[in-house]
PDB file of N, CA and C in Angstrom:
ATOM      1  N   MET A   1     -20.223   2.480  -5.516  1.00  0.00           N
ATOM      2  CA  MET A   1     -18.954   2.904  -4.998  1.00  0.00           C
ATOM      3  C   MET A   1     -17.950   1.775  -5.203  1.00  0.00           C
ATOM      4  N   ASP A   2     -16.807   2.095  -5.754  1.00  0.00           N
ATOM      5  CA  ASP A   2     -15.731   1.122  -5.928  1.00  0.00           C
ATOM      6  C   ASP A   2     -14.747   1.254  -4.774  1.00  0.00           C
ATOM      7  N   ILE A   3     -14.329   0.107  -4.231  1.00  0.00           N
ATOM      8  CA  ILE A   3     -13.347   0.079  -3.160  1.00  0.00           C
ATOM      9  C   ILE A   3     -12.201  -0.815  -3.590  1.00  0.00           C
ATOM     10  N   ILE A   4     -10.982  -0.311  -3.442  1.00  0.00           N
ATOM     11  CA  ILE A   4      -9.789  -1.092  -3.748  1.00  0.00           C
ATOM     12  C   ILE A   4      -9.030  -1.273  -2.442  1.00  0.00           C
ATOM     13  N   TYR A   5      -8.717  -2.515  -2.120  1.00  0.00           N
ATOM     14  CA  TYR A   5      -7.941  -2.830  -0.913  1.00  0.00           C
ATOM     15  C   TYR A   5      -6.665  -3.511  -1.375  1.00  0.00           C
ATOM     16  N   THR A   6      -5.535  -2.953  -1.005  1.00  0.00           N
ATOM     17  CA  THR A   6      -4.275  -3.505  -1.476  1.00  0.00           C
ATOM     18  C   THR A   6      -3.198  -3.396  -0.408  1.00  0.00           C
ATOM     19  N   VAL A   7      -2.180  -4.212  -0.533  1.00  0.00           N
ATOM     20  CA  VAL A   7      -1.011  -4.141   0.339  1.00  0.00           C
ATOM     21  C   VAL A   7       0.183  -3.829  -0.554  1.00  0.00           C
ATOM     22  N   ILE A   8       0.893  -2.760  -0.209  1.00  0.00           N
ATOM     23  CA  ILE A   8       2.051  -2.347  -1.003  1.00  0.00           C
ATOM     24  C   ILE A   8       3.230  -2.077  -0.070  1.00  0.00           C
ATOM     25  N   THR A   9       4.411  -1.975  -0.637  1.00  0.00           N
ATOM     26  CA  THR A   9       5.588  -1.630   0.151  1.00  0.00           C
ATOM     27  C   THR A   9       5.631  -0.117   0.336  1.00  0.00           C
ATOM     28  N   ARG A  10       6.423   0.317   1.299  1.00  0.00           N
ATOM     29  CA  ARG A  10       6.548   1.758   1.538  1.00  0.00           C
ATOM     30  C   ARG A  10       7.166   2.473   0.337  1.00  0.00           C
ATOM     31  N   LEU A  11       7.913   1.753  -0.483  1.00  0.00           N
ATOM     32  CA  LEU A  11       8.523   2.352  -1.665  1.00  0.00           C
ATOM     33  C   LEU A  11       7.504   2.607  -2.775  1.00  0.00           C
ATOM     34  N   GLU A  12       6.358   1.957  -2.696  1.00  0.00           N
ATOM     35  CA  GLU A  12       5.326   2.096  -3.730  1.00  0.00           C
ATOM     36  C   GLU A  12       4.260   3.133  -3.378  1.00  0.00           C
ATOM     37  N   ILE A  13       4.303   3.680  -2.171  1.00  0.00           N
ATOM     38  CA  ILE A  13       3.260   4.597  -1.711  1.00  0.00           C
ATOM     39  C   ILE A  13       3.142   5.832  -2.595  1.00  0.00           C
ATOM     40  N   SER A  14       4.245   6.474  -2.911  1.00  0.00           N
ATOM     41  CA  SER A  14       4.173   7.708  -3.696  1.00  0.00           C
ATOM     42  C   SER A  14       3.624   7.467  -5.097  1.00  0.00           C
ATOM     43  N   LYS A  15       4.010   6.353  -5.723  1.00  0.00           N
ATOM     44  CA  LYS A  15       3.499   6.052  -7.060  1.00  0.00           C
ATOM     45  C   LYS A  15       1.999   5.770  -7.021  1.00  0.00           C
ATOM     46  N   LEU A  16       1.561   5.017  -6.008  1.00  0.00           N
ATOM     47  CA  LEU A  16       0.134   4.740  -5.887  1.00  0.00           C
ATOM     48  C   LEU A  16      -0.650   6.023  -5.658  1.00  0.00           C
ATOM     49  N   ASN A  17      -0.149   6.899  -4.787  1.00  0.00           N
ATOM     50  CA  ASN A  17      -0.834   8.175  -4.542  1.00  0.00           C
ATOM     51  C   ASN A  17      -0.928   9.015  -5.810  1.00  0.00           C
ATOM     52  N   ALA A  18       0.123   9.011  -6.604  1.00  0.00           N
ATOM     53  CA  ALA A  18       0.106   9.766  -7.860  1.00  0.00           C
ATOM     54  C   ALA A  18      -0.952   9.214  -8.807  1.00  0.00           C
ATOM     55  N   GLU A  19      -1.043   7.888  -8.908  1.00  0.00           N
ATOM     56  CA  GLU A  19      -2.042   7.264  -9.783  1.00  0.00           C
ATOM     57  C   GLU A  19      -3.462   7.545  -9.291  1.00  0.00           C
ATOM     58  N   ILE A  20      -3.662   7.486  -7.991  1.00  0.00           N
ATOM     59  CA  ILE A  20      -4.990   7.780  -7.427  1.00  0.00           C
ATOM     60  C   ILE A  20      -5.389   9.210  -7.757  1.00  0.00           C
ATOM     61  N   THR A  21      -4.461  10.146  -7.617  1.00  0.00           N
ATOM     62  CA  THR A  21      -4.749  11.551  -7.908  1.00  0.00           C
ATOM     63  C   THR A  21      -5.129  11.750  -9.369  1.00  0.00           C
ATOM     64  N   ILE A  22      -4.477  11.025 -10.262  1.00  0.00           N
ATOM     65  CA  ILE A  22      -4.818  11.113 -11.691  1.00  0.00           C
ATOM     66  C   ILE A  22      -6.224  10.586 -11.943  1.00  0.00           C
ATOM     67  N   ILE A  23      -6.549   9.457 -11.338  1.00  0.00           N
ATOM     68  CA  ILE A  23      -7.844   8.815 -11.564  1.00  0.00           C
ATOM     69  C   ILE A  23      -8.971   9.582 -10.882  1.00  0.00           C
ATOM     70  N   ASP A  24      -8.765   9.965  -9.619  1.00  0.00           N
ATOM     71  CA  ASP A  24      -9.806  10.664  -8.860  1.00  0.00           C
ATOM     72  C   ASP A  24      -9.151  11.563  -7.813  1.00  0.00           C
ATOM     73  N   PRO A  25      -8.999  12.840  -8.123  1.00  0.00           N
ATOM     74  CA  PRO A  25      -8.356  13.762  -7.177  1.00  0.00           C
ATOM     75  C   PRO A  25      -9.100  13.878  -5.843  1.00  0.00           C
ATOM     76  N   ASN A  26     -10.373  13.528  -5.811  1.00  0.00           N
ATOM     77  CA  ASN A  26     -11.175  13.622  -4.587  1.00  0.00           C
ATOM     78  C   ASN A  26     -11.343  12.272  -3.891  1.00  0.00           C
ATOM     79  N   ALA A  27     -10.535  11.285  -4.254  1.00  0.00           N
ATOM     80  CA  ALA A  27     -10.655   9.945  -3.671  1.00  0.00           C
ATOM     81  C   ALA A  27     -10.383   9.982  -2.169  1.00  0.00           C
ATOM     82  N   PHE A  28     -11.092   9.152  -1.446  1.00  0.00           N
ATOM     83  CA  PHE A  28     -10.903   8.983  -0.010  1.00  0.00           C
ATOM     84  C   PHE A  28      -9.927   7.837   0.183  1.00  0.00           C
ATOM     85  N   VAL A  29      -8.779   8.105   0.800  1.00  0.00           N
ATOM     86  CA  VAL A  29      -7.719   7.111   0.929  1.00  0.00           C
ATOM     87  C   VAL A  29      -7.384   6.919   2.406  1.00  0.00           C
ATOM     88  N   ILE A  30      -7.309   5.670   2.829  1.00  0.00           N
ATOM     89  CA  ILE A  30      -6.889   5.336   4.188  1.00  0.00           C
ATOM     90  C   ILE A  30      -5.627   4.492   4.072  1.00  0.00           C
ATOM     91  N   MET A  31      -4.600   4.828   4.859  1.00  0.00           N
ATOM     92  CA  MET A  31      -3.361   4.052   4.869  1.00  0.00           C
ATOM     93  C   MET A  31      -3.069   3.603   6.288  1.00  0.00           C
ATOM     94  N   ASN A  32      -2.686   2.353   6.416  1.00  0.00           N
ATOM     95  CA  ASN A  32      -2.297   1.799   7.706  1.00  0.00           C
ATOM     96  C   ASN A  32      -1.007   1.027   7.540  1.00  0.00           C
ATOM     97  N   SER A  33      -0.186   1.082   8.553  1.00  0.00           N
ATOM     98  CA  SER A  33       1.030   0.284   8.563  1.00  0.00           C
ATOM     99  C   SER A  33       0.685  -1.095   9.123  1.00  0.00           C
ATOM    100  N   ILE A  34       1.253  -2.134   8.518  1.00  0.00           N
ATOM    101  CA  ILE A  34       1.003  -3.483   9.009  1.00  0.00           C
ATOM    102  C   ILE A  34       2.309  -4.106   9.461  1.00  0.00           C
ATOM    103  N   LYS A  35       2.202  -4.951  10.451  1.00  0.00           N
ATOM    104  CA  LYS A  35       3.392  -5.589  10.993  1.00  0.00           C
ATOM    105  C   LYS A  35       3.562  -7.003  10.432  1.00  0.00           C
ATOM    106  N   ASP A  36       2.476  -7.726  10.302  1.00  0.00           N
ATOM    107  CA  ASP A  36       2.528  -9.106   9.833  1.00  0.00           C
ATOM    108  C   ASP A  36       1.638  -9.290   8.619  1.00  0.00           C
ATOM    109  N   THR A  37       2.186  -9.889   7.591  1.00  0.00           N
ATOM    110  CA  THR A  37       1.443 -10.215   6.382  1.00  0.00           C
ATOM    111  C   THR A  37       1.821 -11.628   5.983  1.00  0.00           C
ATOM    112  N   LYS A  38       0.856 -12.369   5.476  1.00  0.00           N
ATOM    113  CA  LYS A  38       1.105 -13.756   5.110  1.00  0.00           C
ATOM    114  C   LYS A  38       0.606 -14.012   3.695  1.00  0.00           C
ATOM    115  N   GLY A  39       1.404 -14.749   2.916  1.00  0.00           N
ATOM    116  CA  GLY A  39       0.991 -15.132   1.567  1.00  0.00           C
ATOM    117  C   GLY A  39       1.478 -14.163   0.504  1.00  0.00           C
ATOM    118  N   GLY A  40       1.240 -14.522  -0.735  1.00  0.00           N
ATOM    119  CA  GLY A  40       1.603 -13.663  -1.849  1.00  0.00           C
ATOM    120  C   GLY A  40       3.100 -13.542  -2.030  1.00  0.00           C
ATOM    121  N   MET A  41       3.542 -12.363  -2.424  1.00  0.00           N
ATOM    122  CA  MET A  41       4.945 -12.119  -2.732  1.00  0.00           C
ATOM    123  C   MET A  41       5.655 -11.357  -1.612  1.00  0.00           C
ATOM    124  N   VAL A  42       5.099 -11.341  -0.429  1.00  0.00           N
ATOM    125  CA  VAL A  42       5.688 -10.585   0.668  1.00  0.00           C
ATOM    126  C   VAL A  42       6.953 -11.287   1.153  1.00  0.00           C
ATOM    127  N   LYS A  43       8.028 -10.531   1.264  1.00  0.00           N
ATOM    128  CA  LYS A  43       9.300 -11.084   1.715  1.00  0.00           C
ATOM    129  C   LYS A  43       9.619 -10.538   3.096  1.00  0.00           C
ATOM    130  N   LYS A  44      10.076 -11.397   3.975  1.00  0.00           N
ATOM    131  CA  LYS A  44      10.464 -10.984   5.318  1.00  0.00           C
ATOM    132  C   LYS A  44      11.898 -10.483   5.293  1.00  0.00           C
ATOM    133  N   ARG A  45      12.164  -9.400   6.018  1.00  0.00           N
ATOM    134  CA  ARG A  45      13.510  -8.878   6.158  1.00  0.00           C
ATOM    135  C   ARG A  45      14.169  -9.542   7.364  1.00  0.00           C
ATOM    136  N   PRO A  46      15.459  -9.782   7.310  1.00  0.00           N
ATOM    137  CA  PRO A  46      16.140 -10.373   8.464  1.00  0.00           C
ATOM    138  C   PRO A  46      16.112  -9.402   9.649  1.00  0.00           C
ATOM    139  N   LEU A  47      16.044  -9.961  10.854  1.00  0.00           N
ATOM    140  CA  LEU A  47      16.026  -9.129  12.048  1.00  0.00           C
ATOM    141  C   LEU A  47      17.397  -8.508  12.268  1.00  0.00           C
ATOM    142  N   ALA A  48      17.393  -7.215  12.610  1.00  0.00           N
ATOM    143  CA  ALA A  48      18.648  -6.514  12.906  1.00  0.00           C
ATOM    144  C   ALA A  48      18.936  -6.645  14.391  1.00  0.00           C
ATOM    145  N   HIS A  49      20.098  -7.107  14.752  1.00  0.00           N
ATOM    146  CA  HIS A  49      20.463  -7.273  16.181  1.00  0.00           C
ATOM    147  C   HIS A  49      21.482  -6.260  16.575  1.00  0.00           C
TER     148      HIS A  49
END
């Protein structure tokens, strides 16, 4: 069994889902929202007051 674990932006969700459907229409997919991420190319948005 192959497992892919990735962190993407909300803007990339639809493209990733489309690619998963092409590769394996029966794939089991779990999505969770995250509040804090550290490292990589993640950019913090300024707080809205």
